[in-house]
Structure formats: structure tokens, C-alpha cells
Amino acid sequence: QVQLVQSGGGLVQAGGSLTLSCAASRITNRINGIGWYRQAPGKQREWVASASSSGNSNYADSVVGRFAISRDNAKNAVYLQMNNLKPEDTAVYYCYAEMPLNTVLWGRGTQVTVSS
């Protein structure tokens, strides 16, 4: 069973930057789309960004111009570079991977806290 292992996150001041990483526990060529969601306290989980297997990237309006997603297919990894962070970016960030047969794998989440 492939698992997604997350790293990165932490505490940063507003305007700062962080990078999140997420990698599959073993190499597989079965990952289709891959990306990130986040969940702030008391709010529903929201989609942040995604990268397709063909290299197309998409972003939520709230992060356009500040966040950048990239994937390394050889490593089955996805990264989220977050710049100009705002207090409203504070959330637990989850990576996900779309697998065959409509299966979605999730990382365990990593906390990002942005202080004002």
C-alpha cells in the first residue's frame, strides 16, 4: 500500500515563505493528479492547488501569484512553495494523489501557522 509522507510546514511571520513536500512511500507510476488541500480551524477542507500528470497546474484564487506547485514524477513527489504568507493561510495542509479506480490517497497533514 502506497502512503504519502509529508514534511515541511511550521510557524512563520506574515510575508514569509514555507515549502511543503509530499512523497509516495514507494515508487509507483500510478499517480495521476496530485496536489494540496488545507483545512483551517472551524472551516471545511478547501482545495489549494493541483498538478496533473501532463504538467498542468491550477490554483485556488486565494493563492494565485503566491503559491507554486511542482511535481517530480521520478520521485513521486509534489511540492508547494508558499510565498508572501498571510495569517489566513494558517491551516493544516494535506497532500493528495489521485490513483486508478477513483482512489485518492491522503497525507497525514502538516500544520502551517502564519503570525501577524
N, C-alpha and C. Protein backbone atom coordinates (compact mmCIF):
# COMPACT_ATOMS: atom_id res chain seq x y z
N GLN A 1 0.85 -1.18 0.00
CA GLN A 1 0.00 0.00 0.00
C GLN A 1 0.89 1.24 0.00
N VAL A 2 0.69 2.08 -1.01
CA VAL A 2 1.45 3.32 -1.09
C VAL A 2 0.89 4.32 -0.09
N GLN A 3 1.79 5.01 0.60
CA GLN A 3 1.38 6.07 1.51
C GLN A 3 2.05 7.37 1.09
N LEU A 4 1.44 8.48 1.47
CA LEU A 4 2.01 9.79 1.20
C LEU A 4 2.62 10.34 2.48
N VAL A 5 3.87 10.71 2.39
CA VAL A 5 4.62 11.19 3.55
C VAL A 5 4.89 12.68 3.36
N GLN A 6 4.39 13.47 4.29
CA GLN A 6 4.53 14.92 4.20
C GLN A 6 5.65 15.42 5.09
N SER A 7 6.23 16.55 4.68
CA SER A 7 7.22 17.24 5.50
C SER A 7 7.14 18.73 5.21
N GLY A 8 7.76 19.51 6.07
CA GLY A 8 7.71 20.96 5.92
C GLY A 8 6.67 21.55 6.85
N GLY A 9 6.33 22.78 6.63
CA GLY A 9 5.37 23.46 7.48
C GLY A 9 6.05 24.09 8.67
N GLY A 10 5.24 24.64 9.57
CA GLY A 10 5.78 25.27 10.76
C GLY A 10 5.18 26.64 10.99
N LEU A 11 5.92 27.45 11.74
CA LEU A 11 5.46 28.79 12.11
C LEU A 11 6.29 29.83 11.36
N VAL A 12 5.60 30.80 10.78
CA VAL A 12 6.29 31.85 10.02
C VAL A 12 5.53 33.16 10.20
N GLN A 13 6.23 34.26 10.10
CA GLN A 13 5.57 35.56 10.18
C GLN A 13 4.91 35.89 8.85
N ALA A 14 3.92 36.74 8.91
CA ALA A 14 3.26 37.20 7.69
C ALA A 14 4.29 37.78 6.73
N GLY A 15 4.14 37.44 5.46
CA GLY A 15 5.10 37.87 4.45
C GLY A 15 6.22 36.88 4.21
N GLY A 16 6.31 35.89 5.06
CA GLY A 16 7.37 34.90 4.94
C GLY A 16 7.03 33.79 3.97
N SER A 17 7.91 32.81 3.90
CA SER A 17 7.76 31.71 2.95
C SER A 17 7.97 30.36 3.64
N LEU A 18 7.32 29.36 3.11
CA LEU A 18 7.49 27.98 3.55
C LEU A 18 7.36 27.08 2.34
N THR A 19 7.98 25.91 2.44
CA THR A 19 7.83 24.90 1.41
C THR A 19 7.35 23.61 2.03
N LEU A 20 6.30 23.05 1.45
CA LEU A 20 5.78 21.77 1.86
C LEU A 20 6.20 20.71 0.85
N SER A 21 6.47 19.52 1.35
CA SER A 21 6.84 18.41 0.49
C SER A 21 5.94 17.22 0.78
N CYS A 22 5.75 16.41 -0.22
CA CYS A 22 4.92 15.21 -0.08
C CYS A 22 5.45 14.18 -1.06
N ALA A 23 5.75 12.98 -0.58
CA ALA A 23 6.29 11.96 -1.45
C ALA A 23 5.64 10.62 -1.16
N ALA A 24 5.49 9.83 -2.20
CA ALA A 24 4.96 8.48 -2.03
C ALA A 24 5.99 7.61 -1.32
N SER A 25 5.50 6.69 -0.50
CA SER A 25 6.39 5.86 0.30
C SER A 25 7.19 4.88 -0.55
N ARG A 26 6.71 4.62 -1.76
CA ARG A 26 7.48 3.81 -2.69
C ARG A 26 7.15 4.28 -4.10
N ILE A 27 8.07 3.98 -5.01
CA ILE A 27 7.91 4.46 -6.37
C ILE A 27 6.74 3.73 -7.04
N THR A 28 5.90 4.50 -7.68
CA THR A 28 4.78 3.94 -8.43
C THR A 28 4.52 4.82 -9.64
N ASN A 29 4.06 4.23 -10.70
CA ASN A 29 3.73 5.02 -11.89
C ASN A 29 2.23 5.18 -12.05
N ARG A 30 1.52 5.01 -10.93
CA ARG A 30 0.07 5.00 -11.00
C ARG A 30 -0.57 6.31 -10.55
N ILE A 31 0.24 7.27 -10.16
CA ILE A 31 -0.32 8.54 -9.69
C ILE A 31 -0.74 9.39 -10.87
N ASN A 32 -1.95 9.87 -10.85
CA ASN A 32 -2.45 10.78 -11.87
C ASN A 32 -2.30 12.21 -11.36
N GLY A 33 -3.37 12.85 -11.00
CA GLY A 33 -3.29 14.19 -10.44
C GLY A 33 -2.74 14.14 -9.02
N ILE A 34 -2.09 15.21 -8.62
CA ILE A 34 -1.54 15.30 -7.26
C ILE A 34 -1.63 16.75 -6.82
N GLY A 35 -1.83 16.97 -5.54
CA GLY A 35 -1.98 18.36 -5.12
C GLY A 35 -2.15 18.53 -3.63
N TRP A 36 -2.74 19.67 -3.27
CA TRP A 36 -2.86 20.05 -1.87
C TRP A 36 -4.25 20.59 -1.54
N TYR A 37 -4.70 20.25 -0.36
CA TYR A 37 -5.86 20.85 0.27
C TYR A 37 -5.39 21.45 1.59
N ARG A 38 -6.24 22.26 2.18
CA ARG A 38 -5.96 22.75 3.52
C ARG A 38 -7.26 22.87 4.31
N GLN A 39 -7.12 22.84 5.63
CA GLN A 39 -8.28 22.98 6.49
C GLN A 39 -7.92 23.88 7.66
N ALA A 40 -8.58 25.01 7.72
CA ALA A 40 -8.38 25.95 8.82
C ALA A 40 -9.32 25.58 9.97
N PRO A 41 -9.00 26.00 11.18
CA PRO A 41 -9.85 25.67 12.33
C PRO A 41 -11.29 26.14 12.12
N GLY A 42 -12.21 25.23 12.33
CA GLY A 42 -13.62 25.57 12.20
C GLY A 42 -14.13 25.70 10.79
N LYS A 43 -13.29 25.37 9.80
CA LYS A 43 -13.70 25.50 8.40
C LYS A 43 -13.60 24.17 7.69
N GLN A 44 -14.26 24.10 6.54
CA GLN A 44 -14.18 22.89 5.73
C GLN A 44 -12.84 22.83 5.00
N ARG A 45 -12.47 21.62 4.65
CA ARG A 45 -11.25 21.45 3.87
C ARG A 45 -11.45 22.09 2.49
N GLU A 46 -10.47 22.84 2.04
CA GLU A 46 -10.56 23.50 0.75
C GLU A 46 -9.37 23.14 -0.12
N TRP A 47 -9.64 23.05 -1.40
CA TRP A 47 -8.59 22.74 -2.36
C TRP A 47 -7.68 23.96 -2.53
N VAL A 48 -6.37 23.70 -2.67
CA VAL A 48 -5.40 24.79 -2.79
C VAL A 48 -4.75 24.81 -4.17
N ALA A 49 -4.23 23.66 -4.59
CA ALA A 49 -3.52 23.62 -5.86
C ALA A 49 -3.41 22.17 -6.32
N SER A 50 -3.24 22.00 -7.62
CA SER A 50 -3.07 20.66 -8.15
C SER A 50 -2.16 20.70 -9.37
N ALA A 51 -1.55 19.56 -9.64
CA ALA A 51 -0.69 19.40 -10.81
C ALA A 51 -1.06 18.10 -11.49
N SER A 52 -1.41 18.18 -12.75
CA SER A 52 -1.82 16.98 -13.48
C SER A 52 -0.59 16.19 -13.93
N SER A 53 -0.84 14.98 -14.38
CA SER A 53 0.26 14.13 -14.86
C SER A 53 0.90 14.70 -16.13
N SER A 54 0.16 15.56 -16.84
CA SER A 54 0.69 16.18 -18.05
C SER A 54 1.42 17.48 -17.77
N GLY A 55 1.42 17.90 -16.50
CA GLY A 55 2.18 19.09 -16.14
C GLY A 55 1.38 20.35 -15.95
N ASN A 56 0.07 20.28 -16.14
CA ASN A 56 -0.76 21.46 -15.93
C ASN A 56 -0.97 21.72 -14.44
N SER A 57 -0.92 22.98 -14.07
CA SER A 57 -1.11 23.36 -12.67
C SER A 57 -2.31 24.28 -12.54
N ASN A 58 -3.00 24.14 -11.43
CA ASN A 58 -4.15 25.01 -11.15
C ASN A 58 -4.10 25.43 -9.69
N TYR A 59 -4.65 26.62 -9.42
CA TYR A 59 -4.60 27.18 -8.08
C TYR A 59 -5.93 27.77 -7.67
N ALA A 60 -6.20 27.72 -6.39
CA ALA A 60 -7.34 28.45 -5.85
C ALA A 60 -7.06 29.94 -5.99
N ASP A 61 -8.12 30.71 -6.17
CA ASP A 61 -7.95 32.15 -6.35
C ASP A 61 -7.20 32.79 -5.19
N SER A 62 -7.40 32.26 -4.00
CA SER A 62 -6.81 32.87 -2.81
C SER A 62 -5.29 32.75 -2.76
N VAL A 63 -4.71 31.88 -3.58
CA VAL A 63 -3.26 31.67 -3.51
C VAL A 63 -2.55 31.99 -4.82
N VAL A 64 -3.31 32.35 -5.83
CA VAL A 64 -2.70 32.67 -7.13
C VAL A 64 -1.66 33.77 -6.97
N GLY A 65 -0.50 33.55 -7.56
CA GLY A 65 0.56 34.55 -7.50
C GLY A 65 1.43 34.44 -6.26
N ARG A 66 1.01 33.63 -5.30
CA ARG A 66 1.79 33.48 -4.05
C ARG A 66 2.31 32.07 -3.87
N PHE A 67 1.54 31.08 -4.28
CA PHE A 67 1.92 29.68 -4.12
C PHE A 67 2.31 29.10 -5.47
N ALA A 68 3.23 28.14 -5.43
CA ALA A 68 3.64 27.45 -6.65
C ALA A 68 3.74 25.96 -6.36
N ILE A 69 3.07 25.18 -7.19
CA ILE A 69 3.11 23.73 -7.03
C ILE A 69 4.05 23.15 -8.08
N SER A 70 4.76 22.13 -7.69
CA SER A 70 5.62 21.42 -8.64
C SER A 70 5.62 19.95 -8.27
N ARG A 71 5.83 19.11 -9.28
CA ARG A 71 5.87 17.68 -9.02
C ARG A 71 7.09 17.08 -9.68
N ASP A 72 7.60 16.05 -9.03
CA ASP A 72 8.75 15.31 -9.53
C ASP A 72 8.26 13.89 -9.76
N ASN A 73 7.97 13.55 -10.99
CA ASN A 73 7.39 12.25 -11.28
C ASN A 73 8.37 11.11 -10.98
N ALA A 74 9.64 11.36 -11.13
CA ALA A 74 10.63 10.31 -10.86
C ALA A 74 10.63 9.94 -9.38
N LYS A 75 10.33 10.92 -8.54
CA LYS A 75 10.32 10.69 -7.10
C LYS A 75 8.91 10.52 -6.55
N ASN A 76 7.91 10.62 -7.44
CA ASN A 76 6.51 10.58 -6.99
C ASN A 76 6.31 11.59 -5.87
N ALA A 77 6.77 12.80 -6.09
CA ALA A 77 6.71 13.83 -5.07
C ALA A 77 6.03 15.08 -5.60
N VAL A 78 5.47 15.83 -4.68
CA VAL A 78 4.86 17.12 -5.01
C VAL A 78 5.30 18.12 -3.95
N TYR A 79 5.49 19.34 -4.39
CA TYR A 79 5.96 20.39 -3.50
C TYR A 79 5.03 21.59 -3.61
N LEU A 80 4.94 22.33 -2.52
CA LEU A 80 4.16 23.56 -2.53
C LEU A 80 5.02 24.67 -1.95
N GLN A 81 5.46 25.56 -2.80
CA GLN A 81 6.22 26.72 -2.37
C GLN A 81 5.23 27.82 -2.05
N MET A 82 5.25 28.29 -0.83
CA MET A 82 4.29 29.29 -0.38
C MET A 82 5.04 30.57 -0.03
N ASN A 83 4.73 31.62 -0.75
CA ASN A 83 5.39 32.91 -0.54
C ASN A 83 4.37 33.94 -0.08
N ASN A 84 4.87 35.02 0.48
CA ASN A 84 4.01 36.11 0.94
C ASN A 84 2.83 35.55 1.76
N LEU A 85 3.14 34.74 2.72
CA LEU A 85 2.10 34.09 3.51
C LEU A 85 1.32 35.10 4.33
N LYS A 86 0.04 34.80 4.50
CA LYS A 86 -0.87 35.65 5.24
C LYS A 86 -1.45 34.87 6.42
N PRO A 87 -1.90 35.56 7.46
CA PRO A 87 -2.50 34.84 8.59
C PRO A 87 -3.65 33.93 8.16
N GLU A 88 -4.38 34.31 7.13
CA GLU A 88 -5.50 33.47 6.68
C GLU A 88 -5.04 32.20 5.96
N ASP A 89 -3.74 32.07 5.73
CA ASP A 89 -3.21 30.82 5.19
C ASP A 89 -2.99 29.78 6.29
N THR A 90 -3.15 30.18 7.53
CA THR A 90 -2.99 29.25 8.64
C THR A 90 -3.98 28.10 8.52
N ALA A 91 -3.46 26.89 8.51
CA ALA A 91 -4.30 25.70 8.32
C ALA A 91 -3.42 24.46 8.43
N VAL A 92 -4.09 23.33 8.46
CA VAL A 92 -3.40 22.06 8.26
C VAL A 92 -3.46 21.76 6.77
N TYR A 93 -2.32 21.51 6.19
CA TYR A 93 -2.22 21.27 4.74
C TYR A 93 -2.07 19.76 4.49
N TYR A 94 -2.87 19.27 3.56
CA TYR A 94 -2.88 17.85 3.22
C TYR A 94 -2.52 17.67 1.74
N CYS A 95 -1.61 16.78 1.45
CA CYS A 95 -1.39 16.44 0.06
C CYS A 95 -2.29 15.26 -0.29
N TYR A 96 -2.56 15.14 -1.58
CA TYR A 96 -3.39 14.04 -2.04
C TYR A 96 -2.84 13.57 -3.39
N ALA A 97 -3.17 12.32 -3.72
CA ALA A 97 -2.77 11.76 -5.01
C ALA A 97 -3.93 10.95 -5.56
N GLU A 98 -4.24 11.23 -6.81
CA GLU A 98 -5.32 10.52 -7.48
C GLU A 98 -4.75 9.27 -8.15
N MET A 99 -5.28 8.14 -7.76
CA MET A 99 -4.80 6.85 -8.23
C MET A 99 -5.87 6.24 -9.14
N PRO A 100 -5.56 5.15 -9.80
CA PRO A 100 -6.57 4.48 -10.63
C PRO A 100 -7.79 4.03 -9.83
N LEU A 101 -8.87 3.77 -10.55
CA LEU A 101 -10.12 3.29 -9.96
C LEU A 101 -10.69 4.28 -8.95
N ASN A 102 -10.51 5.57 -9.25
CA ASN A 102 -11.07 6.64 -8.41
C ASN A 102 -10.61 6.57 -6.96
N THR A 103 -9.44 6.05 -6.75
CA THR A 103 -8.86 6.01 -5.40
C THR A 103 -8.06 7.27 -5.16
N VAL A 104 -8.21 7.85 -3.97
CA VAL A 104 -7.45 9.03 -3.59
C VAL A 104 -6.68 8.73 -2.31
N LEU A 105 -5.38 8.94 -2.38
CA LEU A 105 -4.54 8.81 -1.19
C LEU A 105 -4.36 10.18 -0.54
N TRP A 106 -4.26 10.19 0.79
CA TRP A 106 -4.08 11.43 1.52
C TRP A 106 -2.86 11.34 2.42
N GLY A 107 -2.15 12.46 2.52
CA GLY A 107 -1.12 12.57 3.53
C GLY A 107 -1.76 12.83 4.87
N ARG A 108 -0.96 12.79 5.93
CA ARG A 108 -1.50 12.94 7.28
C ARG A 108 -1.69 14.40 7.68
N GLY A 109 -1.18 15.30 6.89
CA GLY A 109 -1.35 16.71 7.20
C GLY A 109 -0.15 17.30 7.91
N THR A 110 0.06 18.58 7.65
CA THR A 110 1.13 19.31 8.32
C THR A 110 0.63 20.72 8.64
N GLN A 111 0.97 21.18 9.81
CA GLN A 111 0.46 22.48 10.28
C GLN A 111 1.29 23.62 9.71
N VAL A 112 0.59 24.61 9.20
CA VAL A 112 1.21 25.88 8.79
C VAL A 112 0.54 26.98 9.61
N THR A 113 1.34 27.73 10.34
CA THR A 113 0.82 28.83 11.14
C THR A 113 1.52 30.11 10.74
N VAL A 114 0.72 31.11 10.38
CA VAL A 114 1.26 32.40 9.96
C VAL A 114 0.84 33.44 10.98
N SER A 115 1.82 34.03 11.62
CA SER A 115 1.53 35.05 12.64
C SER A 115 1.51 36.44 12.01
N SER A 116 0.68 37.28 12.58
CA SER A 116 0.55 38.65 12.03
C SER A 116 1.55 39.60 12.67
